[in-house]
C-alpha cells in the first residue's frame, strides 16, 4: 500500500514533507530499478548497509534517475528510520571514512595544522574504515 502517499510521490522518489514509515514493505521506492522498501530495509538489517552508496551497491536503488536517494527521497528516510530502529545513528559525514561535514573537516585540518593525507587519516578517520 502507498500509505498516505499520492502515486505522484513515487515518481519523484518521495516528498519532502513526510517519511516512509507508512509505506508497506512491498511498496516500490525506486521506480527506475523497481526496488521495494522491504529490499532496502533488508539490505540495511542483513547486509550492514549504513550509507546511501551501500544501499545503491546492494539493491541498485538510486542507480537510475537518482531521485529516490536525494534528501527528499524515500531511501534516506528509510535508511534513517531503520538504523534508528536498530539503535544506530544515520551517517552524516562526507564519506564513510570521515564523519564530519566538509567545513568541519577543513576546520580540523586548519586548527591541527595537518599537512598530509596520512596525517588527516590518522587524526580524523573512523577506525576500521580506511
Foldseek 3Di string as FASTA:
>chain_A
DQFPDDPVQQVQQAAQPDACVRPDQCCQSAVVQRHGLVQLLCCVVPVVDQAPVSSCVRRVRCVPPNRQVPPRHHNVRSNQVSQVVVVHHRQDDPDLFFSHHPVVLVVVCVVVVDDDPVSSSVPGTDPPPD
